[in-house]
N, C-alpha and C. Protein backbone atom coordinates (compact mmCIF):
# COMPACT_ATOMS: atom_id res chain seq x y z
N MET A 1 42.43 11.79 17.22
CA MET A 1 41.28 11.92 17.97
C MET A 1 41.71 12.08 19.38
N ARG A 2 40.92 12.96 20.06
CA ARG A 2 41.13 12.97 21.52
C ARG A 2 39.81 12.65 22.23
N ILE A 3 39.96 12.14 23.44
CA ILE A 3 38.70 11.87 24.25
C ILE A 3 38.05 13.12 24.76
N TYR A 4 36.84 13.25 24.72
CA TYR A 4 36.05 14.38 25.16
C TYR A 4 36.42 14.65 26.71
N GLU A 5 36.56 15.91 27.02
CA GLU A 5 36.93 16.33 28.34
C GLU A 5 35.94 15.86 29.38
N GLY A 6 36.44 15.15 30.35
CA GLY A 6 35.51 14.70 31.44
C GLY A 6 35.03 13.21 31.25
N LEU A 7 35.21 12.70 29.99
CA LEU A 7 34.67 11.45 29.72
C LEU A 7 35.54 10.29 30.37
N LYS A 8 36.79 10.52 30.41
CA LYS A 8 37.64 9.54 31.12
C LYS A 8 37.41 9.38 32.58
N THR A 9 37.06 10.44 33.21
CA THR A 9 36.61 10.37 34.61
C THR A 9 35.32 9.65 34.78
N VAL A 10 34.38 9.89 33.89
CA VAL A 10 33.14 9.20 33.95
C VAL A 10 33.26 7.72 33.75
N LEU A 11 34.10 7.30 32.72
CA LEU A 11 34.28 5.92 32.53
C LEU A 11 34.97 5.24 33.76
N GLY A 12 35.83 5.91 34.44
CA GLY A 12 36.47 5.45 35.66
C GLY A 12 35.37 5.28 36.79
N GLU A 13 34.51 6.24 36.89
CA GLU A 13 33.52 6.13 37.93
C GLU A 13 32.49 4.99 37.63
N LEU A 14 32.16 4.79 36.32
CA LEU A 14 31.33 3.67 36.07
C LEU A 14 31.89 2.37 36.41
N LYS A 15 33.19 2.22 36.10
CA LYS A 15 33.96 1.01 36.41
C LYS A 15 33.99 0.78 37.88
N LYS A 16 34.36 1.85 38.62
CA LYS A 16 34.42 1.77 40.07
C LYS A 16 33.11 1.29 40.72
N ALA A 17 32.01 1.69 40.05
CA ALA A 17 30.68 1.30 40.52
C ALA A 17 30.37 -0.14 40.23
N GLY A 18 31.29 -0.85 39.58
CA GLY A 18 31.16 -2.30 39.33
C GLY A 18 30.36 -2.57 38.04
N LEU A 19 30.23 -1.60 37.23
CA LEU A 19 29.47 -1.84 35.87
C LEU A 19 30.43 -2.52 34.90
N LYS A 20 29.88 -3.33 34.07
CA LYS A 20 30.59 -3.89 32.95
C LYS A 20 30.46 -2.86 31.78
N ILE A 21 31.60 -2.65 31.22
CA ILE A 21 31.64 -1.54 30.18
C ILE A 21 32.17 -2.16 28.81
N SER A 22 31.44 -1.98 27.80
CA SER A 22 31.83 -2.55 26.51
C SER A 22 31.70 -1.48 25.42
N ILE A 23 32.42 -1.63 24.45
CA ILE A 23 32.38 -0.74 23.20
C ILE A 23 31.76 -1.60 22.10
N VAL A 24 30.79 -1.06 21.42
CA VAL A 24 30.19 -1.53 20.17
C VAL A 24 30.39 -0.52 19.10
N SER A 25 31.16 -0.76 18.15
CA SER A 25 31.47 0.25 17.15
C SER A 25 31.60 -0.30 15.81
N SER A 26 31.30 0.50 14.74
CA SER A 26 31.51 0.03 13.38
C SER A 26 33.06 0.17 13.00
N ASN A 27 33.79 0.79 13.80
CA ASN A 27 35.28 0.89 13.58
C ASN A 27 35.89 -0.40 13.81
N SER A 28 37.17 -0.57 13.35
CA SER A 28 37.85 -1.81 13.56
C SER A 28 38.40 -1.97 14.94
N ILE A 29 38.35 -3.19 15.48
CA ILE A 29 38.87 -3.37 16.76
C ILE A 29 40.30 -2.89 16.94
N GLU A 30 41.17 -3.06 15.92
CA GLU A 30 42.51 -2.50 15.96
C GLU A 30 42.56 -1.07 16.16
N ASN A 31 41.72 -0.31 15.41
CA ASN A 31 41.65 1.15 15.56
C ASN A 31 41.16 1.56 16.96
N ILE A 32 40.13 0.89 17.48
CA ILE A 32 39.60 1.17 18.79
C ILE A 32 40.71 0.91 19.82
N ASN A 33 41.35 -0.23 19.76
CA ASN A 33 42.37 -0.57 20.82
C ASN A 33 43.51 0.45 20.69
N GLU A 34 43.85 0.87 19.49
CA GLU A 34 44.94 1.84 19.38
C GLU A 34 44.61 3.21 20.01
N PHE A 35 43.34 3.57 19.80
CA PHE A 35 42.80 4.85 20.44
C PHE A 35 42.80 4.70 21.94
N LEU A 36 42.33 3.57 22.46
CA LEU A 36 42.31 3.40 23.88
C LEU A 36 43.71 3.35 24.50
N LYS A 37 44.59 2.75 23.78
CA LYS A 37 46.03 2.73 24.30
C LYS A 37 46.56 4.17 24.27
N ASN A 38 46.44 4.91 23.22
CA ASN A 38 47.01 6.29 23.15
C ASN A 38 46.31 7.17 24.15
N SER A 39 45.03 6.88 24.49
CA SER A 39 44.29 7.70 25.43
C SER A 39 44.51 7.31 26.84
N GLU A 40 45.20 6.20 27.05
CA GLU A 40 45.53 5.55 28.33
C GLU A 40 44.21 5.29 29.06
N ILE A 41 43.27 4.61 28.34
CA ILE A 41 42.00 4.14 28.88
C ILE A 41 41.97 2.66 28.94
N ASN A 42 41.82 2.10 30.13
CA ASN A 42 41.79 0.66 30.32
C ASN A 42 40.73 0.26 31.25
N VAL A 43 39.49 0.56 30.85
CA VAL A 43 38.31 0.27 31.66
C VAL A 43 37.25 -0.66 31.02
N PHE A 44 37.52 -0.97 29.71
CA PHE A 44 36.50 -1.69 28.91
C PHE A 44 36.70 -3.24 29.12
N ASP A 45 35.60 -3.90 29.35
CA ASP A 45 35.52 -5.29 29.46
C ASP A 45 35.55 -5.98 28.14
N ASN A 46 34.95 -5.39 27.12
CA ASN A 46 34.78 -6.00 25.77
C ASN A 46 34.84 -4.83 24.76
N VAL A 47 35.40 -5.22 23.62
CA VAL A 47 35.35 -4.32 22.48
C VAL A 47 34.83 -5.15 21.28
N TYR A 48 33.70 -4.70 20.67
CA TYR A 48 33.09 -5.40 19.52
C TYR A 48 33.04 -4.42 18.34
N SER A 49 33.32 -5.00 17.26
CA SER A 49 33.15 -4.30 15.95
C SER A 49 31.92 -4.92 15.28
N SER A 50 31.00 -4.05 14.87
CA SER A 50 29.80 -4.47 14.23
C SER A 50 30.03 -4.86 12.76
N GLY A 51 31.26 -4.55 12.29
CA GLY A 51 31.73 -4.93 10.98
C GLY A 51 31.12 -3.96 9.86
N SER A 52 30.16 -3.20 10.05
CA SER A 52 29.63 -2.20 9.13
C SER A 52 28.81 -1.15 9.85
N PHE A 53 28.51 -0.13 9.10
CA PHE A 53 27.76 0.97 9.71
C PHE A 53 26.31 0.55 10.09
N PHE A 54 25.82 -0.48 9.52
CA PHE A 54 24.39 -0.81 9.71
C PHE A 54 24.06 -2.04 10.46
N ASN A 55 25.04 -2.63 11.16
CA ASN A 55 24.80 -3.90 11.96
C ASN A 55 25.02 -3.63 13.45
N LYS A 56 24.93 -2.46 13.94
CA LYS A 56 25.09 -2.26 15.34
C LYS A 56 24.01 -3.05 16.18
N ASP A 57 22.76 -3.08 15.67
CA ASP A 57 21.75 -3.77 16.39
C ASP A 57 22.04 -5.28 16.59
N ARG A 58 22.63 -5.87 15.50
CA ARG A 58 23.04 -7.28 15.64
C ARG A 58 24.19 -7.44 16.67
N ALA A 59 25.12 -6.49 16.65
CA ALA A 59 26.23 -6.61 17.65
C ALA A 59 25.70 -6.38 19.10
N ILE A 60 24.76 -5.54 19.23
CA ILE A 60 24.21 -5.34 20.56
C ILE A 60 23.46 -6.59 20.94
N ALA A 61 22.65 -7.19 20.06
CA ALA A 61 21.91 -8.48 20.36
C ALA A 61 22.94 -9.61 20.70
N HIS A 62 24.03 -9.72 19.89
CA HIS A 62 25.03 -10.68 20.19
C HIS A 62 25.58 -10.49 21.65
N LEU A 63 25.94 -9.30 21.96
CA LEU A 63 26.50 -9.00 23.30
C LEU A 63 25.56 -9.42 24.34
N MET A 64 24.20 -9.12 24.17
CA MET A 64 23.25 -9.48 25.20
C MET A 64 23.04 -10.99 25.29
N ARG A 65 23.06 -11.69 24.16
CA ARG A 65 22.95 -13.11 24.25
C ARG A 65 24.21 -13.76 24.85
N LYS A 66 25.39 -13.26 24.52
CA LYS A 66 26.60 -13.83 25.12
C LYS A 66 26.67 -13.71 26.57
N TYR A 67 26.21 -12.62 27.11
CA TYR A 67 26.18 -12.41 28.53
C TYR A 67 24.93 -12.61 29.36
N ASN A 68 23.90 -13.19 28.56
CA ASN A 68 22.67 -13.36 29.07
C ASN A 68 21.99 -12.16 29.72
N LEU A 69 22.00 -11.12 29.03
CA LEU A 69 21.43 -9.83 29.56
C LEU A 69 20.07 -9.61 28.86
N ASN A 70 19.21 -8.98 29.66
CA ASN A 70 17.97 -8.55 28.99
C ASN A 70 18.15 -7.10 28.70
N SER A 71 17.27 -6.56 27.95
CA SER A 71 17.42 -5.13 27.37
C SER A 71 17.35 -4.10 28.51
N ARG A 72 16.71 -4.46 29.68
CA ARG A 72 16.67 -3.52 30.77
C ARG A 72 17.92 -3.42 31.55
N GLU A 73 18.89 -4.32 31.33
CA GLU A 73 20.18 -4.39 31.97
C GLU A 73 21.25 -3.61 31.17
N VAL A 74 20.87 -3.17 30.05
CA VAL A 74 21.85 -2.53 29.14
C VAL A 74 21.51 -1.04 28.83
N ILE A 75 22.54 -0.13 29.00
CA ILE A 75 22.40 1.21 28.63
C ILE A 75 23.47 1.55 27.66
N TYR A 76 23.05 1.96 26.52
CA TYR A 76 24.07 2.28 25.40
C TYR A 76 24.36 3.81 25.42
N ILE A 77 25.54 4.21 25.21
CA ILE A 77 25.84 5.63 25.11
C ILE A 77 26.38 5.86 23.76
N GLY A 78 25.82 6.79 22.99
CA GLY A 78 26.15 6.94 21.61
C GLY A 78 26.02 8.38 21.15
N ASP A 79 26.64 8.66 19.95
CA ASP A 79 26.65 10.02 19.41
C ASP A 79 26.05 10.18 18.06
N GLU A 80 25.34 9.09 17.59
CA GLU A 80 24.87 9.18 16.22
C GLU A 80 23.45 8.63 16.15
N ILE A 81 22.68 9.12 15.11
CA ILE A 81 21.36 8.68 14.96
C ILE A 81 21.30 7.19 14.79
N ARG A 82 22.27 6.63 14.04
CA ARG A 82 22.23 5.18 13.85
C ARG A 82 22.50 4.37 15.17
N ASP A 83 23.04 4.99 16.21
CA ASP A 83 23.12 4.36 17.47
C ASP A 83 21.73 4.26 18.05
N ILE A 84 20.98 5.37 17.89
CA ILE A 84 19.56 5.41 18.44
C ILE A 84 18.71 4.38 17.70
N ILE A 85 18.84 4.31 16.38
CA ILE A 85 18.12 3.34 15.65
C ILE A 85 18.42 1.92 16.03
N ALA A 86 19.66 1.60 16.22
CA ALA A 86 20.13 0.26 16.64
C ALA A 86 19.58 -0.06 18.00
N CYS A 87 19.58 0.90 18.92
CA CYS A 87 19.06 0.63 20.27
C CYS A 87 17.63 0.38 20.27
N LYS A 88 16.89 1.14 19.41
CA LYS A 88 15.45 1.01 19.32
C LYS A 88 15.11 -0.46 18.78
N LYS A 89 15.88 -0.95 17.75
CA LYS A 89 15.64 -2.24 17.23
C LYS A 89 15.95 -3.34 18.31
N SER A 90 16.94 -2.97 19.18
CA SER A 90 17.30 -3.95 20.24
C SER A 90 16.55 -3.81 21.55
N SER A 91 15.64 -2.85 21.56
CA SER A 91 14.96 -2.47 22.79
C SER A 91 15.88 -2.18 23.99
N VAL A 92 16.95 -1.48 23.62
CA VAL A 92 17.96 -1.02 24.66
C VAL A 92 17.81 0.42 24.87
N ARG A 93 17.90 0.91 26.02
CA ARG A 93 17.86 2.37 26.34
C ARG A 93 19.20 2.98 25.87
N ILE A 94 19.07 4.21 25.42
CA ILE A 94 20.16 4.91 24.92
C ILE A 94 20.27 6.31 25.50
N ILE A 95 21.51 6.65 25.88
CA ILE A 95 21.88 7.95 26.28
C ILE A 95 22.63 8.58 25.09
N ALA A 96 22.04 9.50 24.43
CA ALA A 96 22.78 10.19 23.29
C ALA A 96 23.53 11.38 23.89
N VAL A 97 24.70 11.55 23.32
CA VAL A 97 25.61 12.62 23.78
C VAL A 97 25.75 13.67 22.62
N SER A 98 25.58 14.98 23.09
CA SER A 98 25.47 16.05 22.19
C SER A 98 26.78 16.53 21.56
N TRP A 99 27.91 16.00 22.08
CA TRP A 99 29.20 16.51 21.66
C TRP A 99 29.89 15.59 20.63
N GLY A 100 29.26 14.71 20.06
CA GLY A 100 29.81 13.80 19.08
C GLY A 100 29.59 14.03 17.67
N TYR A 101 29.37 12.93 16.92
CA TYR A 101 29.27 13.01 15.49
C TYR A 101 28.04 13.81 14.93
N ASP A 102 26.83 13.38 15.43
CA ASP A 102 25.69 14.11 14.97
C ASP A 102 25.32 15.27 15.89
N SER A 103 24.67 16.25 15.32
CA SER A 103 24.32 17.46 16.12
C SER A 103 23.16 17.08 17.11
N LYS A 104 23.07 17.97 18.10
CA LYS A 104 22.12 17.80 19.13
C LYS A 104 20.64 17.85 18.52
N GLU A 105 20.47 18.67 17.60
CA GLU A 105 19.24 18.84 16.89
C GLU A 105 18.81 17.54 16.21
N LEU A 106 19.79 16.92 15.45
CA LEU A 106 19.52 15.69 14.73
C LEU A 106 19.22 14.58 15.78
N LEU A 107 20.01 14.53 16.83
CA LEU A 107 19.76 13.49 17.83
C LEU A 107 18.37 13.64 18.45
N GLU A 108 18.05 14.84 18.78
CA GLU A 108 16.67 15.11 19.37
C GLU A 108 15.53 14.56 18.44
N LYS A 109 15.70 14.82 17.16
CA LYS A 109 14.64 14.37 16.22
C LYS A 109 14.55 12.80 16.22
N ALA A 110 15.68 12.08 16.57
CA ALA A 110 15.65 10.64 16.52
C ALA A 110 15.00 10.11 17.81
N ASN A 111 14.76 10.98 18.71
CA ASN A 111 14.08 10.61 20.00
C ASN A 111 14.78 9.58 20.89
N PRO A 112 15.97 9.90 21.38
CA PRO A 112 16.65 8.96 22.22
C PRO A 112 15.99 8.92 23.57
N ASP A 113 16.27 7.94 24.41
CA ASP A 113 15.68 7.87 25.72
C ASP A 113 16.17 9.07 26.60
N TYR A 114 17.42 9.44 26.40
CA TYR A 114 18.03 10.54 27.17
C TYR A 114 19.04 11.25 26.25
N LEU A 115 19.16 12.55 26.44
CA LEU A 115 20.13 13.32 25.66
C LEU A 115 20.89 14.23 26.62
N VAL A 116 22.21 14.03 26.73
CA VAL A 116 22.98 14.82 27.62
C VAL A 116 24.01 15.78 26.91
N ASP A 117 24.37 16.75 27.57
CA ASP A 117 25.30 17.77 27.03
C ASP A 117 26.64 17.69 27.76
N SER A 118 26.79 16.90 28.71
CA SER A 118 28.07 16.75 29.45
C SER A 118 28.26 15.38 30.00
N PRO A 119 29.54 14.94 30.14
CA PRO A 119 29.75 13.61 30.70
C PRO A 119 29.22 13.50 32.10
N ALA A 120 29.27 14.50 32.88
CA ALA A 120 28.75 14.46 34.28
C ALA A 120 27.25 14.07 34.27
N GLN A 121 26.52 14.44 33.28
CA GLN A 121 25.08 14.05 33.20
C GLN A 121 24.88 12.60 33.01
N ILE A 122 25.87 11.87 32.47
CA ILE A 122 25.78 10.43 32.27
C ILE A 122 25.77 9.83 33.68
N ILE A 123 26.73 10.20 34.54
CA ILE A 123 26.81 9.67 35.90
C ILE A 123 25.50 9.93 36.61
N GLU A 124 24.90 11.19 36.44
CA GLU A 124 23.69 11.57 37.25
C GLU A 124 22.56 10.57 36.86
N LEU A 125 22.42 10.27 35.56
CA LEU A 125 21.40 9.40 35.01
C LEU A 125 21.55 7.99 35.58
N ILE A 126 22.79 7.55 35.52
CA ILE A 126 23.05 6.19 35.95
C ILE A 126 22.92 5.99 37.45
N LYS A 127 23.32 7.07 38.22
CA LYS A 127 23.08 6.99 39.72
C LYS A 127 21.60 7.07 40.01
N ALA A 128 20.81 7.70 39.17
CA ALA A 128 19.37 7.75 39.35
C ALA A 128 18.73 6.39 38.94
N LYS A 129 19.59 5.44 38.52
CA LYS A 129 19.11 4.05 38.17
C LYS A 129 18.11 4.16 37.01
N ILE A 130 18.55 4.81 35.96
CA ILE A 130 17.58 4.86 34.81
C ILE A 130 17.39 3.42 34.34
């Protein structure tokens, strides 16, 4: 796998802005860390594995409890309908990206808070203090 063009820059900008950046994934921590190492990405504060495809909402809730965050302090960026569902269960805002696993049309039907077509749009949303 390769990182989507422009995303590495966006991650760097988010980190420079002082934001804490975490990964919540159903993939194993070992696979995620290997991908990050191969992609030369070293900006994440935490990497969490939800342990299954259907427990992301629990992983999000765990992360918020651990760091004493309320749902308005968290923005999730995801590429699947199940990311949107997990965020709705957790009352967390989600930026869905159209270049990932699920198609833009499917993501739109799941009604994310925001839907973007480029990494640069993520920065625009966050700068607008969504």
